[in-house]
């Protein structure tokens, strides 16, 4: 504050405006969910080449963003880790870039509940994202579906794979868990890179939940921009970063100012009833 000779009451009004401007300018360009088969296959090729896990379309997980408990928030924002937060839910590609992001749920919600009520799941269920049809894996002739990967918090589906239970695993199941864990680690690593690059995410944010949402989305836009324009920046940070695993439980509740980004459009086969409708001031689609 003193270094720039700007009063704190001016900074309070400047930060939300700057964050909203960053999201409005860079969001459509740098946060975009694939919507064609070729785009999805390009993501799957990255996972095959970098992590040796075929047919993977992204890694899904959530991160708690700590904030001061909003007025009247009660226990809605209080998570199982022991602090108040909102949840950043994201789908990552193999290069630590966020393909889809939603900053919407209270900290008391669980990953599965947040995802089940998300735009991304609705778009997948109504086949709006043009996920490629099943194809054989390399050196095989049996068709296998394309899928995203998640941890034990998510439900097993043909388009979402999770690890086997840790009890009485066969050797093949252990190998599968190892390969899936390597592919899924990109989302945890990306969260760590994001927080280390924008250190405000390491501490408890004191702003209102709507402003926190704008700050997080602005950080995501800038992170994606840097990953695209400077993919080889800080390679040691990328390769050796250690991040926490997130195991969430509880119910979902949408705070005011929740935002979902990057599911850009729905084709005609998606009926209005199957697509979540949100007001312009609380959600934005790219």
C-alpha atoms as a PDB file:
ATOM      1  CA  UNK A   1       0.000   0.000   0.000  1.00  0.00           C
ATOM      2  CA  UNK A   2       2.690   2.509   1.048  1.00  0.00           C
ATOM      3  CA  UNK A   3       5.067   1.528  -1.748  1.00  0.00           C
ATOM      4  CA  UNK A   4       2.519   2.551  -4.395  1.00  0.00           C
ATOM      5  CA  UNK A   5       1.085   5.414  -2.324  1.00  0.00           C
ATOM      6  CA  UNK A   6      -2.441   4.099  -2.837  1.00  0.00           C
ATOM      7  CA  UNK A   7      -4.864   4.047   0.051  1.00  0.00           C
ATOM      8  CA  UNK A   8      -6.400   0.756   1.153  1.00  0.00           C
ATOM      9  CA  UNK A   9      -9.928   1.940   0.319  1.00  0.00           C
ATOM     10  CA  UNK A  10      -8.795   2.557  -3.281  1.00  0.00           C
ATOM     11  CA  UNK A  11      -7.137  -0.857  -3.490  1.00  0.00           C
ATOM     12  CA  UNK A  12     -10.366  -2.481  -2.321  1.00  0.00           C
ATOM     13  CA  UNK A  13     -12.200  -1.096  -5.333  1.00  0.00           C
ATOM     14  CA  UNK A  14      -9.339  -1.567  -7.820  1.00  0.00           C
ATOM     15  CA  UNK A  15      -8.659  -5.288  -7.258  1.00  0.00           C
ATOM     16  CA  UNK A  16     -12.154  -6.576  -8.195  1.00  0.00           C
ATOM     17  CA  UNK A  17     -12.238  -4.392 -11.312  1.00  0.00           C
ATOM     18  CA  UNK A  18      -8.810  -5.547 -12.459  1.00  0.00           C
ATOM     19  CA  UNK A  19      -9.649  -9.225 -11.834  1.00  0.00           C
ATOM     20  CA  UNK A  20     -12.928  -8.938 -13.742  1.00  0.00           C
ATOM     21  CA  UNK A  21     -11.106  -7.232 -16.621  1.00  0.00           C
ATOM     22  CA  UNK A  22      -8.517 -10.047 -16.741  1.00  0.00           C
ATOM     23  CA  UNK A  23     -11.247 -12.694 -16.801  1.00  0.00           C
ATOM     24  CA  UNK A  24     -13.266 -10.866 -19.449  1.00  0.00           C
ATOM     25  CA  UNK A  25     -10.236 -10.306 -21.694  1.00  0.00           C
ATOM     26  CA  UNK A  26      -8.284 -13.566 -21.325  1.00  0.00           C
ATOM     27  CA  UNK A  27     -10.926 -16.044 -20.169  1.00  0.00           C
ATOM     28  CA  UNK A  28     -12.420 -16.893 -23.585  1.00  0.00           C
ATOM     29  CA  UNK A  29      -8.947 -17.262 -25.096  1.00  0.00           C
ATOM     30  CA  UNK A  30      -7.083 -19.224 -22.427  1.00  0.00           C
ATOM     31  CA  UNK A  31      -9.815 -21.250 -20.664  1.00  0.00           C
ATOM     32  CA  UNK A  32     -11.557 -23.369 -23.262  1.00  0.00           C
ATOM     33  CA  UNK A  33     -12.978 -26.868 -22.982  1.00  0.00           C
ATOM     34  CA  UNK A  34     -12.479 -29.011 -26.109  1.00  0.00           C
ATOM     35  CA  UNK A  35     -15.700 -29.409 -28.068  1.00  0.00           C
ATOM     36  CA  UNK A  36     -14.575 -31.476 -31.063  1.00  0.00           C
ATOM     37  CA  UNK A  37     -13.206 -34.995 -31.381  1.00  0.00           C
ATOM     38  CA  UNK A  38      -9.893 -33.740 -32.745  1.00  0.00           C
ATOM     39  CA  UNK A  39      -9.399 -31.420 -29.755  1.00  0.00           C
ATOM     40  CA  UNK A  40     -10.137 -34.223 -27.277  1.00  0.00           C
ATOM     41  CA  UNK A  41      -7.824 -36.621 -29.107  1.00  0.00           C
ATOM     42  CA  UNK A  42      -5.053 -34.032 -28.933  1.00  0.00           C
ATOM     43  CA  UNK A  43      -5.462 -33.987 -25.134  1.00  0.00           C
ATOM     44  CA  UNK A  44      -5.441 -37.808 -25.048  1.00  0.00           C
ATOM     45  CA  UNK A  45      -2.251 -37.854 -27.127  1.00  0.00           C
ATOM     46  CA  UNK A  46      -0.542 -35.590 -24.578  1.00  0.00           C
ATOM     47  CA  UNK A  47      -1.420 -37.994 -21.746  1.00  0.00           C
ATOM     48  CA  UNK A  48      -0.216 -40.952 -23.799  1.00  0.00           C
ATOM     49  CA  UNK A  49       3.127 -39.350 -24.610  1.00  0.00           C
ATOM     50  CA  UNK A  50       3.891 -37.712 -21.258  1.00  0.00           C
ATOM     51  CA  UNK A  51       2.254 -40.071 -18.747  1.00  0.00           C
ATOM     52  CA  UNK A  52       1.821 -43.332 -20.703  1.00  0.00           C
ATOM     53  CA  UNK A  53      -1.924 -43.443 -19.942  1.00  0.00           C
ATOM     54  CA  UNK A  54      -3.979 -43.858 -23.109  1.00  0.00           C
ATOM     55  CA  UNK A  55      -7.450 -42.459 -23.896  1.00  0.00           C
ATOM     56  CA  UNK A  56      -7.283 -40.010 -20.967  1.00  0.00           C
ATOM     57  CA  UNK A  57      -9.112 -36.727 -21.650  1.00  0.00           C
ATOM     58  CA  UNK A  58      -8.141 -34.925 -18.445  1.00  0.00           C
ATOM     59  CA  UNK A  59      -7.617 -35.163 -14.700  1.00  0.00           C
ATOM     60  CA  UNK A  60     -10.386 -33.947 -12.397  1.00  0.00           C
ATOM     61  CA  UNK A  61     -10.063 -32.716  -8.804  1.00  0.00           C
ATOM     62  CA  UNK A  62     -10.936 -29.885  -6.420  1.00  0.00           C
ATOM     63  CA  UNK A  63      -8.947 -27.424  -4.321  1.00  0.00           C
ATOM     64  CA  UNK A  64     -10.070 -25.523  -1.214  1.00  0.00           C
ATOM     65  CA  UNK A  65      -9.480 -21.767  -1.425  1.00  0.00           C
ATOM     66  CA  UNK A  66      -9.298 -20.418   2.128  1.00  0.00           C
ATOM     67  CA  UNK A  67     -11.292 -17.290   2.900  1.00  0.00           C
ATOM     68  CA  UNK A  68     -12.621 -15.427   5.888  1.00  0.00           C
ATOM     69  CA  UNK A  69     -16.052 -16.737   6.849  1.00  0.00           C
ATOM     70  CA  UNK A  70     -18.645 -14.508   5.146  1.00  0.00           C
ATOM     71  CA  UNK A  71     -21.208 -12.730   7.251  1.00  0.00           C
ATOM     72  CA  UNK A  72     -24.045 -15.147   7.980  1.00  0.00           C
ATOM     73  CA  UNK A  73     -22.132 -18.028   6.401  1.00  0.00           C
ATOM     74  CA  UNK A  74     -22.363 -20.213   9.497  1.00  0.00           C
ATOM     75  CA  UNK A  75     -20.889 -23.643   8.843  1.00  0.00           C
ATOM     76  CA  UNK A  76     -21.612 -23.665   5.083  1.00  0.00           C
ATOM     77  CA  UNK A  77     -18.062 -22.609   4.215  1.00  0.00           C
ATOM     78  CA  UNK A  78     -16.398 -24.712   6.934  1.00  0.00           C
ATOM     79  CA  UNK A  79     -14.592 -27.697   5.428  1.00  0.00           C
ATOM     80  CA  UNK A  80     -13.295 -30.947   6.906  1.00  0.00           C
ATOM     81  CA  UNK A  81      -9.770 -29.534   7.030  1.00  0.00           C
ATOM     82  CA  UNK A  82     -10.831 -27.080   9.706  1.00  0.00           C
ATOM     83  CA  UNK A  83     -11.064 -23.746   7.870  1.00  0.00           C
ATOM     84  CA  UNK A  84     -13.558 -21.775   5.771  1.00  0.00           C
ATOM     85  CA  UNK A  85     -13.247 -22.057   2.000  1.00  0.00           C
ATOM     86  CA  UNK A  86     -14.820 -22.179  -1.403  1.00  0.00           C
ATOM     87  CA  UNK A  87     -13.988 -24.982  -3.856  1.00  0.00           C
ATOM     88  CA  UNK A  88     -12.116 -24.630  -7.114  1.00  0.00           C
ATOM     89  CA  UNK A  89     -13.081 -27.632  -9.275  1.00  0.00           C
ATOM     90  CA  UNK A  90     -10.998 -28.105 -12.402  1.00  0.00           C
ATOM     91  CA  UNK A  91     -10.200 -30.435 -15.300  1.00  0.00           C
ATOM     92  CA  UNK A  92      -6.512 -30.434 -16.315  1.00  0.00           C
ATOM     93  CA  UNK A  93      -4.665 -31.500 -19.419  1.00  0.00           C
ATOM     94  CA  UNK A  94      -1.274 -33.213 -19.396  1.00  0.00           C
ATOM     95  CA  UNK A  95       0.593 -29.882 -19.496  1.00  0.00           C
ATOM     96  CA  UNK A  96      -0.885 -28.487 -16.250  1.00  0.00           C
ATOM     97  CA  UNK A  97      -3.351 -26.278 -18.107  1.00  0.00           C
ATOM     98  CA  UNK A  98      -6.931 -25.964 -16.847  1.00  0.00           C
ATOM     99  CA  UNK A  99      -9.441 -27.021 -19.517  1.00  0.00           C
ATOM    100  CA  UNK A 100     -12.515 -26.308 -17.403  1.00  0.00           C
ATOM    101  CA  UNK A 101     -12.933 -24.589 -14.048  1.00  0.00           C
ATOM    102  CA  UNK A 102     -15.768 -23.894 -11.648  1.00  0.00           C
ATOM    103  CA  UNK A 103     -15.553 -21.740  -8.519  1.00  0.00           C
ATOM    104  CA  UNK A 104     -18.941 -22.239  -7.003  1.00  0.00           C
ATOM    105  CA  UNK A 105     -19.409 -24.528  -4.011  1.00  0.00           C
ATOM    106  CA  UNK A 106     -19.082 -23.857  -0.311  1.00  0.00           C
ATOM    107  CA  UNK A 107     -16.191 -25.534   1.473  1.00  0.00           C
ATOM    108  CA  UNK A 108     -18.544 -27.951   3.236  1.00  0.00           C
ATOM    109  CA  UNK A 109     -19.364 -29.604  -0.100  1.00  0.00           C
ATOM    110  CA  UNK A 110     -17.669 -32.733  -1.391  1.00  0.00           C
ATOM    111  CA  UNK A 111     -15.918 -33.181  -4.734  1.00  0.00           C
ATOM    112  CA  UNK A 112     -18.504 -35.638  -6.017  1.00  0.00           C
ATOM    113  CA  UNK A 113     -21.419 -33.342  -5.146  1.00  0.00           C
ATOM    114  CA  UNK A 114     -19.732 -30.346  -6.753  1.00  0.00           C
ATOM    115  CA  UNK A 115     -19.045 -32.280  -9.946  1.00  0.00           C
ATOM    116  CA  UNK A 116     -22.514 -33.852 -10.087  1.00  0.00           C
ATOM    117  CA  UNK A 117     -24.042 -30.370 -10.087  1.00  0.00           C
ATOM    118  CA  UNK A 118     -21.570 -28.887 -12.551  1.00  0.00           C
ATOM    119  CA  UNK A 119     -21.983 -27.757 -16.140  1.00  0.00           C
ATOM    120  CA  UNK A 120     -19.292 -30.166 -17.253  1.00  0.00           C
ATOM    121  CA  UNK A 121     -21.182 -33.256 -16.105  1.00  0.00           C
ATOM    122  CA  UNK A 122     -24.399 -31.987 -17.679  1.00  0.00           C
ATOM    123  CA  UNK A 123     -22.585 -31.414 -20.966  1.00  0.00           C
ATOM    124  CA  UNK A 124     -21.054 -34.910 -20.874  1.00  0.00           C
ATOM    125  CA  UNK A 125     -24.379 -36.548 -20.007  1.00  0.00           C
ATOM    126  CA  UNK A 126     -26.151 -34.951 -22.954  1.00  0.00           C
ATOM    127  CA  UNK A 127     -23.210 -35.635 -25.298  1.00  0.00           C
ATOM    128  CA  UNK A 128     -22.594 -31.942 -25.911  1.00  0.00           C
ATOM    129  CA  UNK A 129     -18.785 -32.130 -25.895  1.00  0.00           C
ATOM    130  CA  UNK A 130     -18.359 -34.619 -28.766  1.00  0.00           C
ATOM    131  CA  UNK A 131     -16.177 -37.025 -26.791  1.00  0.00           C
ATOM    132  CA  UNK A 132     -14.602 -39.486 -29.259  1.00  0.00           C
ATOM    133  CA  UNK A 133     -16.169 -42.902 -29.768  1.00  0.00           C
ATOM    134  CA  UNK A 134     -14.413 -45.941 -28.250  1.00  0.00           C
ATOM    135  CA  UNK A 135     -11.294 -47.072 -30.084  1.00  0.00           C
ATOM    136  CA  UNK A 136      -8.746 -49.858 -29.534  1.00  0.00           C
ATOM    137  CA  UNK A 137      -5.774 -49.138 -27.319  1.00  0.00           C
ATOM    138  CA  UNK A 138      -2.298 -49.371 -28.897  1.00  0.00           C
ATOM    139  CA  UNK A 139      -1.374 -52.964 -29.782  1.00  0.00           C
ATOM    140  CA  UNK A 140      -4.928 -54.148 -29.069  1.00  0.00           C
ATOM    141  CA  UNK A 141      -8.077 -54.780 -31.082  1.00  0.00           C
ATOM    142  CA  UNK A 142     -10.744 -54.250 -28.399  1.00  0.00           C
ATOM    143  CA  UNK A 143     -12.534 -50.898 -28.407  1.00  0.00           C
ATOM    144  CA  UNK A 144     -12.072 -48.903 -25.185  1.00  0.00           C
ATOM    145  CA  UNK A 145     -13.871 -45.650 -24.318  1.00  0.00           C
ATOM    146  CA  UNK A 146     -12.182 -42.295 -23.775  1.00  0.00           C
ATOM    147  CA  UNK A 147     -12.440 -41.039 -20.204  1.00  0.00           C
ATOM    148  CA  UNK A 148     -11.356 -38.535 -17.573  1.00  0.00           C
ATOM    149  CA  UNK A 149      -9.621 -39.658 -14.373  1.00  0.00           C
ATOM    150  CA  UNK A 150     -10.431 -38.820 -10.759  1.00  0.00           C
ATOM    151  CA  UNK A 151      -9.810 -40.059  -7.230  1.00  0.00           C
ATOM    152  CA  UNK A 152     -11.960 -42.213  -4.945  1.00  0.00           C
ATOM    153  CA  UNK A 153     -14.370 -39.330  -4.285  1.00  0.00           C
ATOM    154  CA  UNK A 154     -15.965 -39.672  -7.731  1.00  0.00           C
ATOM    155  CA  UNK A 155     -18.379 -42.303  -8.993  1.00  0.00           C
ATOM    156  CA  UNK A 156     -17.127 -44.837 -11.522  1.00  0.00           C
ATOM    157  CA  UNK A 157     -18.551 -44.335 -15.017  1.00  0.00           C
ATOM    158  CA  UNK A 158     -17.601 -45.355 -18.530  1.00  0.00           C
ATOM    159  CA  UNK A 159     -16.262 -41.824 -19.075  1.00  0.00           C
ATOM    160  CA  UNK A 160     -14.737 -41.397 -15.589  1.00  0.00           C
ATOM    161  CA  UNK A 161     -12.160 -43.823 -14.219  1.00  0.00           C
ATOM    162  CA  UNK A 162     -10.985 -44.092 -10.589  1.00  0.00           C
ATOM    163  CA  UNK A 163      -8.480 -46.337  -8.769  1.00  0.00           C
ATOM    164  CA  UNK A 164      -9.263 -49.844  -7.592  1.00  0.00           C
ATOM    165  CA  UNK A 165      -9.858 -50.305  -3.882  1.00  0.00           C
ATOM    166  CA  UNK A 166      -6.577 -50.860  -2.056  1.00  0.00           C
ATOM    167  CA  UNK A 167      -7.655 -54.236  -0.647  1.00  0.00           C
ATOM    168  CA  UNK A 168      -6.566 -57.545  -2.189  1.00  0.00           C
ATOM    169  CA  UNK A 169      -5.248 -56.063  -5.412  1.00  0.00           C
ATOM    170  CA  UNK A 170      -3.958 -58.274  -8.182  1.00  0.00           C
ATOM    171  CA  UNK A 171      -0.747 -57.368  -9.976  1.00  0.00           C
ATOM    172  CA  UNK A 172      -2.667 -56.005 -12.975  1.00  0.00           C
ATOM    173  CA  UNK A 173      -4.822 -53.852 -10.691  1.00  0.00           C
ATOM    174  CA  UNK A 174      -1.722 -52.492  -8.945  1.00  0.00           C
ATOM    175  CA  UNK A 175      -0.199 -51.573 -12.290  1.00  0.00           C
ATOM    176  CA  UNK A 176      -3.456 -49.894 -13.335  1.00  0.00           C
ATOM    177  CA  UNK A 177      -3.587 -47.895 -10.091  1.00  0.00           C
ATOM    178  CA  UNK A 178       0.009 -46.799 -10.593  1.00  0.00           C
ATOM    179  CA  UNK A 179      -0.608 -45.642 -14.155  1.00  0.00           C
ATOM    180  CA  UNK A 180      -3.837 -43.868 -13.225  1.00  0.00           C
ATOM    181  CA  UNK A 181      -2.131 -42.176 -10.275  1.00  0.00           C
ATOM    182  CA  UNK A 182       0.597 -40.832 -12.577  1.00  0.00           C
ATOM    183  CA  UNK A 183      -2.015 -39.374 -14.926  1.00  0.00           C
ATOM    184  CA  UNK A 184      -4.118 -37.942 -12.083  1.00  0.00           C
ATOM    185  CA  UNK A 185      -1.127 -36.308 -10.410  1.00  0.00           C
ATOM    186  CA  UNK A 186      -1.150 -33.542 -13.019  1.00  0.00           C
ATOM    187  CA  UNK A 187      -4.190 -31.904 -11.428  1.00  0.00           C
ATOM    188  CA  UNK A 188      -2.601 -31.864  -7.964  1.00  0.00           C
ATOM    189  CA  UNK A 189       0.689 -30.608  -9.400  1.00  0.00           C
ATOM    190  CA  UNK A 190      -1.127 -27.900 -11.341  1.00  0.00           C
ATOM    191  CA  UNK A 191      -2.915 -26.708  -8.192  1.00  0.00           C
ATOM    192  CA  UNK A 192       0.454 -26.484  -6.468  1.00  0.00           C
ATOM    193  CA  UNK A 193       2.010 -24.549  -9.363  1.00  0.00           C
ATOM    194  CA  UNK A 194      -0.986 -22.209  -9.405  1.00  0.00           C
ATOM    195  CA  UNK A 195      -0.761 -21.497  -5.669  1.00  0.00           C
ATOM    196  CA  UNK A 196       3.029 -21.066  -5.724  1.00  0.00           C
ATOM    197  CA  UNK A 197       2.801 -18.673  -8.636  1.00  0.00           C
ATOM    198  CA  UNK A 198       0.007 -16.606  -7.035  1.00  0.00           C
ATOM    199  CA  UNK A 199       0.891 -16.650  -3.344  1.00  0.00           C
ATOM    200  CA  UNK A 200      -2.401 -15.095  -2.247  1.00  0.00           C
ATOM    201  CA  UNK A 201      -3.871 -18.588  -2.673  1.00  0.00           C
ATOM    202  CA  UNK A 202      -1.569 -19.845   0.111  1.00  0.00           C
ATOM    203  CA  UNK A 203      -3.211 -17.657   2.723  1.00  0.00           C
ATOM    204  CA  UNK A 204      -6.721 -16.858   3.924  1.00  0.00           C
ATOM    205  CA  UNK A 205      -8.339 -14.302   1.631  1.00  0.00           C
ATOM    206  CA  UNK A 206     -10.176 -11.534   3.472  1.00  0.00           C
ATOM    207  CA  UNK A 207     -12.464 -10.439   0.622  1.00  0.00           C
ATOM    208  CA  UNK A 208     -16.134 -11.262   0.044  1.00  0.00           C
ATOM    209  CA  UNK A 209     -16.861 -14.594  -1.633  1.00  0.00           C
ATOM    210  CA  UNK A 210     -17.788 -12.864  -4.904  1.00  0.00           C
ATOM    211  CA  UNK A 211     -14.445 -11.037  -4.979  1.00  0.00           C
ATOM    212  CA  UNK A 212     -12.570 -14.239  -4.042  1.00  0.00           C
ATOM    213  CA  UNK A 213     -14.217 -15.937  -7.019  1.00  0.00           C
ATOM    214  CA  UNK A 214     -12.970 -13.173  -9.336  1.00  0.00           C
ATOM    215  CA  UNK A 215      -9.460 -13.362  -7.862  1.00  0.00           C
ATOM    216  CA  UNK A 216      -9.274 -17.139  -8.338  1.00  0.00           C
ATOM    217  CA  UNK A 217     -10.549 -16.989 -11.918  1.00  0.00           C
ATOM    218  CA  UNK A 218      -8.080 -14.221 -12.744  1.00  0.00           C
ATOM    219  CA  UNK A 219      -5.259 -16.367 -11.331  1.00  0.00           C
ATOM    220  CA  UNK A 220      -6.433 -19.292 -13.461  1.00  0.00           C
ATOM    221  CA  UNK A 221      -6.515 -17.149 -16.614  1.00  0.00           C
ATOM    222  CA  UNK A 222      -2.984 -15.874 -16.013  1.00  0.00           C
ATOM    223  CA  UNK A 223      -1.741 -19.365 -15.131  1.00  0.00           C
ATOM    224  CA  UNK A 224      -3.112 -20.798 -18.388  1.00  0.00           C
ATOM    225  CA  UNK A 225      -1.675 -17.894 -20.342  1.00  0.00           C
ATOM    226  CA  UNK A 226       1.783 -18.503 -18.868  1.00  0.00           C
ATOM    227  CA  UNK A 227       1.534 -22.265 -19.445  1.00  0.00           C
ATOM    228  CA  UNK A 228       0.720 -21.598 -23.107  1.00  0.00           C
ATOM    229  CA  UNK A 229       3.148 -18.761 -23.788  1.00  0.00           C
ATOM    230  CA  UNK A 230       5.978 -20.017 -21.546  1.00  0.00           C
ATOM    231  CA  UNK A 231       5.522 -23.796 -21.313  1.00  0.00           C
ATOM    232  CA  UNK A 232       9.114 -24.449 -20.196  1.00  0.00           C
ATOM    233  CA  UNK A 233       9.250 -21.859 -17.448  1.00  0.00           C
ATOM    234  CA  UNK A 234      10.542 -23.187 -14.098  1.00  0.00           C
ATOM    235  CA  UNK A 235      10.880 -26.863 -15.168  1.00  0.00           C
ATOM    236  CA  UNK A 236      12.247 -27.844 -11.738  1.00  0.00           C
ATOM    237  CA  UNK A 237       9.116 -26.457 -10.114  1.00  0.00           C
ATOM    238  CA  UNK A 238       6.950 -28.554 -12.415  1.00  0.00           C
ATOM    239  CA  UNK A 239       8.874 -31.805 -12.054  1.00  0.00           C
ATOM    240  CA  UNK A 240       9.513 -31.795  -8.309  1.00  0.00           C
ATOM    241  CA  UNK A 241       6.419 -30.111  -6.937  1.00  0.00           C
ATOM    242  CA  UNK A 242       4.715 -31.980  -4.094  1.00  0.00           C
ATOM    243  CA  UNK A 243       1.032 -31.305  -3.515  1.00  0.00           C
ATOM    244  CA  UNK A 244      -1.600 -32.428  -1.071  1.00  0.00           C
ATOM    245  CA  UNK A 245      -4.313 -34.919  -1.940  1.00  0.00           C
ATOM    246  CA  UNK A 246      -7.872 -33.811  -1.388  1.00  0.00           C
ATOM    247  CA  UNK A 247     -10.507 -36.192  -0.042  1.00  0.00           C
ATOM    248  CA  UNK A 248     -13.741 -34.320   0.405  1.00  0.00           C
ATOM    249  CA  UNK A 249     -17.042 -35.257   1.988  1.00  0.00           C
ATOM    250  CA  UNK A 250     -20.264 -33.398   2.766  1.00  0.00           C
ATOM    251  CA  UNK A 251     -23.044 -31.707   0.823  1.00  0.00           C
ATOM    252  CA  UNK A 252     -22.962 -29.040  -1.841  1.00  0.00           C
ATOM    253  CA  UNK A 253     -24.337 -25.545  -1.612  1.00  0.00           C
ATOM    254  CA  UNK A 254     -23.788 -22.689  -4.081  1.00  0.00           C
ATOM    255  CA  UNK A 255     -22.586 -19.411  -2.591  1.00  0.00           C
ATOM    256  CA  UNK A 256     -23.473 -16.118  -4.231  1.00  0.00           C
ATOM    257  CA  UNK A 257     -21.069 -15.254  -7.008  1.00  0.00           C
ATOM    258  CA  UNK A 258     -20.306 -18.849  -8.050  1.00  0.00           C
ATOM    259  CA  UNK A 259     -18.770 -19.014 -11.511  1.00  0.00           C
ATOM    260  CA  UNK A 260     -18.288 -21.734 -14.098  1.00  0.00           C
ATOM    261  CA  UNK A 261     -16.026 -21.344 -17.111  1.00  0.00           C
ATOM    262  CA  UNK A 262     -15.073 -23.006 -20.362  1.00  0.00           C
ATOM    263  CA  UNK A 263     -18.031 -25.172 -21.426  1.00  0.00           C
ATOM    264  CA  UNK A 264     -18.388 -22.920 -24.405  1.00  0.00           C
ATOM    265  CA  UNK A 265     -21.571 -24.014 -26.141  1.00  0.00           C
ATOM    266  CA  UNK A 266     -24.181 -26.750 -26.312  1.00  0.00           C
ATOM    267  CA  UNK A 267     -25.450 -28.368 -29.520  1.00  0.00           C
ATOM    268  CA  UNK A 268     -29.123 -28.589 -30.325  1.00  0.00           C
ATOM    269  CA  UNK A 269     -29.576 -32.078 -28.847  1.00  0.00           C
ATOM    270  CA  UNK A 270     -29.083 -30.607 -25.368  1.00  0.00           C
ATOM    271  CA  UNK A 271     -32.524 -29.661 -24.164  1.00  0.00           C
ATOM    272  CA  UNK A 272     -32.934 -26.619 -21.894  1.00  0.00           C
ATOM    273  CA  UNK A 273     -34.075 -28.924 -19.089  1.00  0.00           C
ATOM    274  CA  UNK A 274     -30.805 -30.861 -19.196  1.00  0.00           C
ATOM    275  CA  UNK A 275     -28.553 -27.798 -19.114  1.00  0.00           C
ATOM    276  CA  UNK A 276     -28.262 -25.791 -15.882  1.00  0.00           C
ATOM    277  CA  UNK A 277     -29.627 -22.276 -16.303  1.00  0.00           C
ATOM    278  CA  UNK A 278     -27.891 -19.521 -14.380  1.00  0.00           C
ATOM    279  CA  UNK A 279     -28.339 -15.802 -14.281  1.00  0.00           C
ATOM    280  CA  UNK A 280     -25.766 -13.623 -16.074  1.00  0.00           C
ATOM    281  CA  UNK A 281     -24.455 -12.120 -12.849  1.00  0.00           C
ATOM    282  CA  UNK A 282     -23.559 -15.471 -11.292  1.00  0.00           C
ATOM    283  CA  UNK A 283     -22.243 -17.546 -14.197  1.00  0.00           C
ATOM    284  CA  UNK A 284     -20.477 -17.180 -17.498  1.00  0.00           C
ATOM    285  CA  UNK A 285     -19.990 -19.643 -20.347  1.00  0.00           C
ATOM    286  CA  UNK A 286     -17.242 -19.567 -22.946  1.00  0.00           C
END
